[in-house]
N, C-alpha and C. Protein backbone atom coordinates (compact mmCIF):
# COMPACT_ATOMS: atom_id res chain seq x y z
N PRO A 1 128.17 157.75 156.67
CA PRO A 1 127.37 158.30 157.01
C PRO A 1 126.53 158.08 158.22
N GLY A 2 125.63 158.98 158.54
CA GLY A 2 124.96 159.16 159.68
C GLY A 2 124.68 158.21 160.48
N ASN A 3 123.86 158.32 161.48
CA ASN A 3 123.19 156.62 162.03
C ASN A 3 124.14 156.17 162.85
N GLY A 4 125.82 156.51 162.42
CA GLY A 4 126.52 155.02 163.33
C GLY A 4 126.77 153.97 162.09
N LEU A 5 125.96 154.22 161.16
CA LEU A 5 126.52 153.27 160.20
C LEU A 5 128.00 153.38 159.89
N VAL A 6 128.80 152.47 159.56
CA VAL A 6 130.43 152.20 159.17
C VAL A 6 130.32 151.77 157.77
N ASN A 7 131.47 151.43 157.46
CA ASN A 7 131.30 150.88 156.32
C ASN A 7 130.49 151.08 155.16
N GLY A 8 131.17 152.45 154.53
CA GLY A 8 130.36 153.32 153.72
C GLY A 8 131.01 154.58 152.99
N ILE A 9 130.12 154.85 152.15
CA ILE A 9 130.65 156.33 151.35
C ILE A 9 130.48 156.96 151.35
N ARG A 10 130.70 158.32 151.94
CA ARG A 10 129.65 159.62 152.46
C ARG A 10 130.25 160.48 151.35
N LEU A 11 128.76 160.78 151.17
CA LEU A 11 128.84 161.79 149.76
C LEU A 11 128.43 163.29 150.08
N GLY A 12 129.09 164.43 149.63
CA GLY A 12 128.84 165.55 149.93
C GLY A 12 129.63 165.66 151.14
N GLY A 13 129.81 167.22 151.80
CA GLY A 13 130.37 167.77 152.96
C GLY A 13 130.01 166.87 154.43
N ALA A 14 131.00 166.97 155.27
CA ALA A 14 131.21 166.53 156.29
C ALA A 14 129.72 167.22 156.98
N GLY A 15 128.79 165.82 157.81
CA GLY A 15 128.09 166.12 158.58
C GLY A 15 126.45 166.59 157.11
N THR A 16 126.54 166.09 156.16
CA THR A 16 125.23 166.88 155.63
C THR A 16 124.54 165.57 155.11
N GLY A 17 124.99 163.95 156.00
CA GLY A 17 123.96 163.43 155.95
C GLY A 17 124.21 161.82 154.69
N GLU A 18 124.75 162.31 153.66
CA GLU A 18 123.95 161.70 152.18
C GLU A 18 125.22 160.51 151.78
N GLY A 19 125.10 159.36 151.83
CA GLY A 19 125.76 158.66 151.86
C GLY A 19 125.55 157.10 151.34
N ILE A 20 126.45 155.88 151.72
CA ILE A 20 125.80 154.64 151.12
C ILE A 20 126.49 154.02 152.06
N ALA A 21 125.66 153.11 152.81
CA ALA A 21 126.74 152.06 154.02
C ALA A 21 126.22 150.89 153.68
N SER A 22 127.10 149.63 154.05
CA SER A 22 126.53 147.97 154.22
C SER A 22 127.05 148.07 155.71
N PRO A 23 125.60 148.25 156.36
CA PRO A 23 126.16 147.93 158.23
C PRO A 23 126.71 145.84 158.14
N ARG A 24 127.40 146.26 159.15
CA ARG A 24 127.77 144.61 159.32
C ARG A 24 127.40 144.09 160.30
N THR A 25 126.75 144.89 161.77
CA THR A 25 126.63 144.23 162.89
C THR A 25 124.71 143.97 162.53
N PRO A 26 125.13 142.72 163.74
CA PRO A 26 123.28 142.01 162.93
C PRO A 26 122.18 143.38 163.84
N GLY A 27 120.91 143.01 162.85
CA GLY A 27 120.13 143.66 162.70
C GLY A 27 120.16 144.11 161.63
N ALA A 28 119.01 145.13 161.50
CA ALA A 28 118.23 145.42 159.95
C ALA A 28 119.52 145.95 158.88
N ASN A 29 119.52 144.95 158.09
CA ASN A 29 119.57 144.78 156.97
C ASN A 29 121.05 144.62 157.00
N GLN A 30 121.80 143.92 157.61
CA GLN A 30 123.21 143.11 157.66
C GLN A 30 123.46 142.74 156.61
N PHE A 31 124.38 143.44 155.86
CA PHE A 31 124.98 142.99 154.39
C PHE A 31 124.85 143.19 153.80
N GLY A 32 123.58 144.48 153.53
CA GLY A 32 122.41 144.91 152.67
C GLY A 32 123.42 146.54 152.31
N LEU A 33 122.26 147.34 151.38
CA LEU A 33 123.21 148.47 151.13
C LEU A 33 121.87 149.34 151.36
N ASP A 34 122.61 150.65 152.08
CA ASP A 34 121.64 151.66 153.02
C ASP A 34 121.77 152.73 152.72
N PHE A 35 120.76 153.40 151.96
CA PHE A 35 121.01 154.68 150.67
C PHE A 35 120.69 156.06 151.56
N GLN A 36 121.37 156.48 152.13
CA GLN A 36 120.60 157.67 153.15
C GLN A 36 121.19 159.32 152.80
N THR A 37 119.81 160.08 152.88
CA THR A 37 120.05 161.58 152.44
C THR A 37 119.35 161.87 154.18
N GLY A 38 120.06 163.06 154.33
CA GLY A 38 120.10 163.68 155.75
C GLY A 38 120.13 162.98 156.98
N SER A 39 120.82 162.54 156.76
CA SER A 39 121.58 161.52 158.23
C SER A 39 120.22 160.61 158.63
N GLN A 40 119.28 159.98 157.62
CA GLN A 40 118.27 159.12 157.40
C GLN A 40 118.51 158.55 156.35
N VAL A 41 117.92 156.75 156.70
CA VAL A 41 118.10 155.96 155.80
C VAL A 41 116.61 155.72 155.00
N ARG A 42 116.89 156.34 153.64
CA ARG A 42 115.79 156.13 152.57
C ARG A 42 115.21 155.35 151.93
N MET A 43 116.66 154.30 151.23
CA MET A 43 116.36 153.29 150.56
C MET A 43 117.48 152.01 150.70
N SER A 44 116.63 150.83 151.06
CA SER A 44 117.75 149.98 151.33
C SER A 44 117.64 148.27 150.28
N ILE A 45 118.12 147.93 149.86
CA ILE A 45 118.79 146.76 149.11
C ILE A 45 119.47 145.65 150.48
N THR A 46 118.35 145.21 150.48
CA THR A 46 118.68 143.65 150.88
C THR A 46 119.97 142.72 150.87
N GLY A 47 120.69 141.93 151.63
CA GLY A 47 121.71 140.84 150.66
C GLY A 47 120.81 139.87 150.07
N SER A 48 119.33 140.22 149.93
CA SER A 48 118.65 138.82 149.16
C SER A 48 117.85 139.79 148.28
N GLY A 49 118.28 140.77 147.66
CA GLY A 49 118.15 141.97 146.65
C GLY A 49 116.91 142.43 147.03
N MET A 50 116.18 142.51 147.53
CA MET A 50 114.76 143.24 148.63
C MET A 50 114.66 144.20 148.32
N VAL A 51 114.17 145.13 147.81
CA VAL A 51 114.33 146.87 147.33
C VAL A 51 113.19 146.88 148.68
N GLY A 52 113.78 148.33 149.53
CA GLY A 52 113.28 148.82 150.04
C GLY A 52 112.89 150.33 150.39
N ILE A 53 112.22 151.31 149.87
CA ILE A 53 112.02 152.36 150.08
C ILE A 53 111.20 152.68 151.50
N GLY A 54 111.87 153.47 152.27
CA GLY A 54 111.12 153.79 153.26
C GLY A 54 111.59 152.82 154.49
N THR A 55 111.91 151.86 154.62
CA THR A 55 111.90 150.64 155.56
C THR A 55 113.13 150.00 154.74
N SER A 56 113.80 149.86 156.21
CA SER A 56 115.45 149.16 155.56
C SER A 56 114.96 147.77 155.65
N ALA A 57 114.07 147.00 156.12
CA ALA A 57 113.74 145.73 155.94
C ALA A 57 112.35 144.88 155.26
N PRO A 58 113.30 145.29 153.88
CA PRO A 58 111.61 145.31 152.94
C PRO A 58 111.01 144.04 153.31
N ALA A 59 109.80 143.47 152.85
CA ALA A 59 109.39 141.64 153.31
C ALA A 59 109.21 141.55 151.64
N TRP A 60 109.14 142.68 150.59
CA TRP A 60 108.38 142.04 149.48
C TRP A 60 109.80 142.50 148.32
N ILE A 61 110.34 141.60 146.90
CA ILE A 61 110.90 143.01 146.39
C ILE A 61 111.20 143.77 146.00
N LEU A 62 109.69 144.73 146.15
CA LEU A 62 109.76 146.10 146.11
C LEU A 62 108.72 146.54 147.36
N ASP A 63 109.13 146.55 148.75
CA ASP A 63 108.27 147.57 149.42
C ASP A 63 108.33 149.00 149.56
N LEU A 64 107.65 149.63 149.47
CA LEU A 64 107.60 150.62 150.01
C LEU A 64 106.56 151.28 150.98
N VAL A 65 107.18 151.74 151.75
CA VAL A 65 106.32 152.23 153.28
C VAL A 65 106.55 153.79 153.50
N GLN A 66 105.49 154.27 153.90
CA GLN A 66 105.65 155.80 153.89
C GLN A 66 104.82 155.59 155.31
N ASN A 67 105.16 156.70 156.21
CA ASN A 67 104.45 156.75 157.77
C ASN A 67 103.81 158.07 157.27
N GLN A 68 103.14 158.33 156.91
CA GLN A 68 102.21 159.82 157.25
C GLN A 68 100.73 159.84 157.62
N ASN A 69 100.11 160.89 157.91
CA ASN A 69 98.81 160.77 158.11
C ASN A 69 98.29 161.64 156.71
N GLY A 70 98.03 160.52 155.94
CA GLY A 70 97.34 160.98 154.85
C GLY A 70 97.92 160.10 153.34
N GLY A 71 97.56 160.19 152.07
CA GLY A 71 97.77 159.01 151.12
C GLY A 71 98.81 158.83 150.57
N THR A 72 99.38 157.68 149.94
CA THR A 72 100.69 157.02 149.93
C THR A 72 100.39 156.93 148.56
N ARG A 73 101.22 157.59 147.31
CA ARG A 73 101.32 157.40 146.12
C ARG A 73 102.26 157.27 145.66
N LEU A 74 102.14 155.92 144.63
CA LEU A 74 102.83 156.07 143.24
C LEU A 74 102.87 156.52 141.58
N ARG A 75 103.50 157.07 141.72
CA ARG A 75 103.29 157.74 140.53
C ARG A 75 103.91 156.67 139.05
N LEU A 76 103.44 156.98 137.94
CA LEU A 76 104.46 156.21 137.02
C LEU A 76 103.88 157.62 136.23
N ALA A 77 104.58 157.80 134.92
CA ALA A 77 103.95 159.15 134.40
C ALA A 77 105.04 158.76 133.20
N ASN A 78 104.36 159.74 132.30
CA ASN A 78 104.55 159.56 130.84
C ASN A 78 104.76 161.17 130.30
N ASN A 79 105.44 162.17 129.78
CA ASN A 79 105.22 163.41 129.75
C ASN A 79 105.31 163.23 128.25
N ASP A 80 104.78 162.51 127.07
CA ASP A 80 105.04 162.46 125.78
C ASP A 80 103.70 162.78 125.40
N SER A 81 103.44 163.45 124.66
CA SER A 81 101.58 163.92 123.95
C SER A 81 101.23 163.29 122.75
N GLY A 82 102.08 162.71 122.65
CA GLY A 82 102.61 161.61 121.20
C GLY A 82 101.24 161.10 121.15
N ALA A 83 100.48 160.50 119.70
CA ALA A 83 98.78 159.67 119.75
C ALA A 83 99.29 158.46 120.68
N SER A 84 100.32 157.65 120.89
CA SER A 84 100.28 156.37 121.05
C SER A 84 100.82 156.63 123.03
N ALA A 85 100.66 157.25 123.39
CA ALA A 85 101.39 157.16 124.78
C ALA A 85 100.73 156.51 125.59
N ALA A 86 101.45 156.11 126.68
CA ALA A 86 100.24 155.64 127.90
C ALA A 86 101.16 155.65 128.50
N ARG A 87 101.23 154.62 130.17
CA ARG A 87 101.01 154.92 131.13
C ARG A 87 100.91 153.34 131.50
N SER A 88 101.88 152.29 131.93
CA SER A 88 100.79 150.90 132.29
C SER A 88 102.07 149.96 133.39
N ILE A 89 101.35 149.29 133.74
CA ILE A 89 101.99 148.46 134.58
C ILE A 89 101.80 146.72 134.38
N LEU A 90 102.83 145.95 133.95
CA LEU A 90 102.23 144.72 133.62
C LEU A 90 102.50 143.81 134.24
N LEU A 91 101.88 143.19 134.12
CA LEU A 91 101.74 142.33 135.85
C LEU A 91 102.35 140.36 135.06
N ASP A 92 103.38 139.97 134.30
CA ASP A 92 103.84 139.13 133.73
C ASP A 92 104.14 137.47 134.36
N GLY A 93 104.19 136.85 133.16
CA GLY A 93 104.58 135.53 134.17
C GLY A 93 104.71 134.78 133.40
N PRO A 94 105.62 132.79 133.92
CA PRO A 94 106.04 132.28 132.96
C PRO A 94 104.84 131.52 131.81
N GLY A 95 103.16 131.70 131.91
CA GLY A 95 103.28 131.41 130.81
C GLY A 95 102.96 131.71 129.18
N GLY A 96 103.28 132.76 129.16
CA GLY A 96 103.78 134.11 128.19
C GLY A 96 102.86 134.66 127.98
N GLY A 97 101.54 134.70 128.80
CA GLY A 97 100.25 135.73 128.91
C GLY A 97 100.87 136.37 130.46
N ALA A 98 99.68 138.03 129.73
CA ALA A 98 100.20 139.15 130.60
C ALA A 98 98.95 139.14 131.13
N ALA A 99 98.69 140.33 132.40
CA ALA A 99 97.74 140.82 133.01
C ALA A 99 98.44 142.27 133.26
N GLY A 100 97.53 143.55 132.70
CA GLY A 100 98.19 144.89 132.94
C GLY A 100 97.36 145.82 133.39
N ILE A 101 97.82 147.20 133.87
CA ILE A 101 97.05 148.22 133.63
C ILE A 101 97.16 149.65 132.86
N THR A 102 96.44 150.27 132.01
CA THR A 102 97.10 151.08 131.20
C THR A 102 96.02 152.71 131.66
N ALA A 103 96.38 153.50 130.95
CA ALA A 103 95.75 154.03 130.63
C ALA A 103 96.29 155.18 129.53
N PHE A 104 96.10 155.03 128.61
CA PHE A 104 96.18 155.79 127.72
C PHE A 104 95.61 157.30 127.10
N SER A 105 96.30 157.90 126.20
CA SER A 105 96.37 160.00 126.60
C SER A 105 95.20 159.62 125.58
N GLY A 106 95.00 160.75 125.45
CA GLY A 106 93.36 161.55 124.85
C GLY A 106 93.58 161.85 123.55
N THR A 107 94.53 161.31 122.70
CA THR A 107 94.85 161.63 121.50
C THR A 107 94.80 159.74 121.15
N HIS A 108 94.84 159.06 121.80
CA HIS A 108 95.44 157.28 121.14
C HIS A 108 94.39 157.19 120.39
N PRO A 109 94.79 156.50 119.16
CA PRO A 109 94.15 156.18 118.07
C PRO A 109 93.13 155.13 118.78
N SER A 110 92.45 154.51 118.79
CA SER A 110 91.84 153.23 119.52
C SER A 110 90.92 153.56 121.06
N ASP A 111 91.78 154.10 121.35
CA ASP A 111 90.89 154.32 122.57
C ASP A 111 91.74 155.41 124.13
N PRO A 112 91.32 156.05 123.26
CA PRO A 112 91.55 157.71 123.70
C PRO A 112 91.06 158.08 125.02
N ASP A 113 91.29 158.20 125.96
CA ASP A 113 91.53 158.94 127.67
C ASP A 113 90.67 157.35 127.78
N THR A 114 91.34 156.32 127.79
CA THR A 114 90.95 155.28 128.59
C THR A 114 91.85 154.43 129.41
N PHE A 115 90.92 154.01 130.72
CA PHE A 115 91.94 153.41 132.08
C PHE A 115 91.54 151.73 131.09
N GLN A 116 92.50 151.10 131.56
CA GLN A 116 92.01 149.75 131.69
C GLN A 116 92.83 149.02 131.84
N PHE A 117 91.55 147.75 132.03
CA PHE A 117 92.83 146.47 132.36
C PHE A 117 92.22 145.44 131.59
N SER A 118 93.51 144.84 131.70
CA SER A 118 93.86 143.47 130.56
C SER A 118 94.20 142.64 131.49
N MET A 119 93.47 141.15 130.49
CA MET A 119 94.38 139.96 130.88
C MET A 119 94.16 139.31 129.91
N ASN A 120 95.52 138.83 129.30
CA ASN A 120 95.77 137.99 128.55
C ASN A 120 96.41 136.46 128.69
N GLN A 121 95.48 136.17 129.51
CA GLN A 121 95.75 134.73 129.93
C GLN A 121 95.92 133.65 129.22
N GLY A 122 94.85 133.49 127.82
CA GLY A 122 94.02 132.42 127.11
C GLY A 122 92.70 132.61 128.42
N ALA A 123 92.10 130.92 127.27
CA ALA A 123 90.78 130.54 127.51
C ALA A 123 90.69 130.98 129.03
N GLY A 124 89.00 131.47 129.92
CA GLY A 124 88.88 130.93 130.90
C GLY A 124 89.87 132.33 131.90
N SER A 125 90.00 132.80 131.06
CA SER A 125 90.78 134.58 131.63
C SER A 125 89.39 135.17 132.36
N LYS A 126 89.66 135.68 133.38
CA LYS A 126 88.72 136.93 133.61
C LYS A 126 89.65 137.76 134.54
N ILE A 127 88.64 139.02 134.86
CA ILE A 127 88.61 140.13 135.61
C ILE A 127 88.54 139.93 137.24
N ALA A 128 88.59 139.99 138.37
CA ALA A 128 87.65 139.68 139.32
C ALA A 128 88.15 140.98 139.59
N PHE A 129 86.77 141.41 141.30
CA PHE A 129 87.07 142.39 142.29
C PHE A 129 86.47 141.90 142.94
N VAL A 130 87.73 142.13 143.92
CA VAL A 130 87.22 141.04 145.54
C VAL A 130 87.24 141.89 147.01
N THR A 131 85.51 141.80 147.93
CA THR A 131 86.16 142.88 148.72
C THR A 131 85.56 141.71 149.63
N ASP A 132 86.00 142.10 150.73
CA ASP A 132 86.00 141.49 152.20
C ASP A 132 86.65 139.88 151.85
N GLY A 133 87.53 139.38 150.93
CA GLY A 133 87.91 138.48 151.07
C GLY A 133 87.02 137.46 150.45
N GLY A 134 86.28 137.47 148.94
CA GLY A 134 85.25 137.10 148.44
C GLY A 134 84.86 137.95 147.35
N GLN A 135 85.03 137.27 146.22
CA GLN A 135 84.55 137.97 145.01
C GLN A 135 83.37 138.48 144.92
N ALA A 136 83.26 139.65 144.13
CA ALA A 136 81.72 140.64 144.62
C ALA A 136 81.77 140.43 142.90
N MET A 137 82.87 141.12 141.76
CA MET A 137 82.33 141.11 140.85
C MET A 137 83.15 139.95 139.96
N MET A 138 82.68 139.89 138.51
CA MET A 138 83.91 139.26 137.77
C MET A 138 83.55 139.60 136.63
N ILE A 139 84.49 139.56 135.01
CA ILE A 139 84.36 140.01 133.94
C ILE A 139 85.21 138.42 133.08
N ASN A 140 84.54 138.21 132.70
CA ASN A 140 85.59 136.76 132.14
C ASN A 140 85.94 136.91 130.58
N GLY A 141 86.30 135.78 129.81
CA GLY A 141 87.02 136.13 128.53
C GLY A 141 85.95 136.71 127.70
N ALA A 142 84.54 136.04 128.62
CA ALA A 142 83.71 136.33 126.92
C ALA A 142 83.15 137.62 126.83
N GLY A 143 83.60 138.24 128.20
CA GLY A 143 82.61 139.60 128.07
C GLY A 143 81.76 140.08 129.11
N LYS A 144 81.26 138.48 129.62
CA LYS A 144 79.92 138.65 130.67
C LYS A 144 80.52 139.06 132.12
N VAL A 145 79.60 139.57 132.58
CA VAL A 145 79.38 140.33 133.64
C VAL A 145 78.94 139.76 135.03
N GLY A 146 79.37 139.03 135.51
CA GLY A 146 78.20 138.61 137.22
C GLY A 146 78.56 139.53 138.33
N ILE A 147 77.29 139.40 138.77
CA ILE A 147 77.38 140.00 140.13
C ILE A 147 77.13 139.54 141.27
N GLY A 148 78.03 139.20 142.19
CA GLY A 148 77.55 137.66 143.21
C GLY A 148 77.44 136.45 142.56
N THR A 149 77.97 136.39 141.30
CA THR A 149 78.14 134.45 141.00
C THR A 149 79.64 134.77 140.04
N THR A 150 80.22 133.45 140.18
CA THR A 150 81.45 133.31 138.93
C THR A 150 81.39 132.41 137.80
N SER A 151 79.86 132.56 137.67
CA SER A 151 80.06 132.28 136.76
C SER A 151 78.89 132.16 135.75
N PRO A 152 78.95 133.74 135.03
CA PRO A 152 77.73 134.02 134.30
C PRO A 152 77.54 133.58 133.04
N VAL A 153 76.25 133.76 132.74
CA VAL A 153 75.57 133.13 131.74
C VAL A 153 74.95 134.10 130.84
N GLU A 154 74.91 135.33 130.75
CA GLU A 154 74.57 136.22 130.13
C GLU A 154 75.37 137.38 130.16
N LYS A 155 75.52 138.87 129.10
CA LYS A 155 76.09 139.79 129.60
C LYS A 155 75.49 140.37 131.01
N LEU A 156 75.07 140.26 131.48
CA LEU A 156 75.03 140.62 132.53
C LEU A 156 74.48 139.53 133.65
N ASP A 157 74.86 139.38 134.71
CA ASP A 157 74.57 138.30 135.52
C ASP A 157 74.02 138.53 136.66
N VAL A 158 73.26 138.48 137.94
CA VAL A 158 73.49 139.08 138.91
C VAL A 158 72.64 137.62 140.16
N ASN A 159 73.59 137.53 141.14
CA ASN A 159 72.68 136.78 141.67
C ASN A 159 72.21 137.87 142.80
N GLY A 160 70.64 138.04 143.08
CA GLY A 160 70.75 139.46 143.95
C GLY A 160 69.35 139.80 143.53
N GLY A 161 68.98 141.21 144.02
CA GLY A 161 68.03 141.61 143.46
C GLY A 161 69.08 143.29 142.76
N VAL A 162 68.13 143.40 141.32
CA VAL A 162 68.93 145.00 141.28
C VAL A 162 67.53 145.95 140.97
N ARG A 163 68.39 147.20 141.41
CA ARG A 163 67.40 148.34 141.96
C ARG A 163 67.39 148.94 140.29
N VAL A 164 65.95 149.12 139.75
CA VAL A 164 66.28 149.89 138.66
C VAL A 164 65.47 151.36 138.85
N GLY A 165 65.94 152.57 138.48
CA GLY A 165 64.67 153.68 138.45
C GLY A 165 64.52 154.58 137.56
N ASN A 166 64.30 155.40 137.27
CA ASN A 166 63.44 156.17 136.44
C ASN A 166 64.74 156.81 135.36
N THR A 167 64.01 157.25 134.27
CA THR A 167 65.20 157.49 133.59
C THR A 167 64.38 158.00 132.16
N ALA A 168 64.78 159.34 131.52
CA ALA A 168 64.02 160.15 130.37
C ALA A 168 64.61 159.16 128.82
N GLY A 169 65.79 158.57 129.27
CA GLY A 169 66.50 158.56 128.13
C GLY A 169 65.57 157.57 126.95
N ALA A 170 65.52 157.81 125.57
CA ALA A 170 64.93 156.83 124.72
C ALA A 170 66.01 155.98 123.86
N ASN A 171 66.35 154.80 124.68
CA ASN A 171 67.34 153.79 124.05
C ASN A 171 66.58 152.90 123.56
N ALA A 172 66.80 151.89 122.51
CA ALA A 172 65.34 151.00 122.33
C ALA A 172 66.54 149.88 123.49
N GLY A 173 65.40 149.14 124.26
CA GLY A 173 66.17 148.50 125.35
C GLY A 173 66.39 148.49 126.69
N THR A 174 66.13 149.70 127.05
CA THR A 174 66.03 150.32 128.23
C THR A 174 64.50 150.03 129.01
N ILE A 175 65.15 149.49 130.55
CA ILE A 175 63.88 149.32 131.27
C ILE A 175 64.34 150.83 132.69
N ARG A 176 63.28 151.07 133.01
CA ARG A 176 62.58 151.33 134.06
C ARG A 176 62.07 151.48 134.79
N TRP A 177 61.62 151.67 136.12
CA TRP A 177 60.62 152.10 137.51
C TRP A 177 60.21 153.47 137.42
N ASN A 178 58.90 153.27 136.85
CA ASN A 178 58.50 154.85 136.56
C ASN A 178 57.66 155.52 138.29
N GLY A 179 57.84 154.58 138.82
CA GLY A 179 57.39 154.51 140.43
C GLY A 179 56.25 153.75 140.39
N LEU A 180 55.56 153.57 139.80
CA LEU A 180 54.27 152.85 139.53
C LEU A 180 53.96 151.03 138.56
N ASN A 181 55.03 151.34 137.59
CA ASN A 181 55.35 149.88 136.80
C ASN A 181 57.31 149.46 136.25
N PHE A 182 57.75 149.33 136.26
CA PHE A 182 58.38 148.18 135.23
C PHE A 182 57.84 148.87 133.67
N GLU A 183 58.66 149.87 133.07
CA GLU A 183 58.81 149.63 131.71
C GLU A 183 59.82 149.45 131.12
N GLY A 184 59.65 148.89 129.24
CA GLY A 184 60.21 149.14 128.27
C GLY A 184 60.30 149.82 127.49
N PHE A 185 61.42 150.25 126.90
CA PHE A 185 61.40 151.12 125.48
C PHE A 185 61.89 149.91 124.61
N ASP A 186 60.73 150.13 123.23
CA ASP A 186 60.94 149.36 122.72
C ASP A 186 61.16 149.95 120.83
N GLY A 187 62.34 151.67 121.35
CA GLY A 187 62.52 152.17 119.99
C GLY A 187 61.91 153.02 119.70
N SER A 188 60.24 153.15 120.04
CA SER A 188 59.19 154.23 119.52
C SER A 188 58.79 154.54 121.38
N SER A 189 58.56 153.50 121.95
CA SER A 189 57.33 153.84 123.03
C SER A 189 57.76 153.69 124.33
N TRP A 190 57.48 153.07 125.17
CA TRP A 190 57.19 152.80 126.82
C TRP A 190 56.26 151.76 127.08
N LEU A 191 56.29 150.50 127.33
CA LEU A 191 55.65 149.52 127.18
C LEU A 191 56.18 149.44 128.69
N ALA A 192 54.65 148.90 129.27
CA ALA A 192 54.16 148.73 130.28
C ALA A 192 54.40 146.47 130.65
């Protein structure tokens, strides 16, 4: 194949640049496999089993690298339109539980048009949202949301101020700031 690599298999006609090679000289991916198109290495598998797409020196089990001024995307698709069609990424471990991200189709029987984060690691499981190295928000296994706290004691526990705006909604339990007073709706009227 191209790029001066030897010990490979050329696919296609001479000069087309498609092939599979195993570099033998010291340097990037020595003794691994490099897959080429257009005389460029597009995917590499290292001798230790790391897979790189867009890099010949992957640092992770699967390392995706794209050098472009724009978004880098990983697509996971399910083109089936059946009621149970979903797309999922599952993070599994030795403890038997799993965490994942799932997108359900619009006809799914229990969760139509739903993007779901899940954590099934048993008691104490939580989903945390981390920004700038610190936990900004979390949802614990009891469904309690903590903002600015890692141990919420109510359905919504905020460690800090909360800004409430005005609303015309008429649902019992709604609170609002009407510009002069805080009000709560009791199911039939707004109370200041």
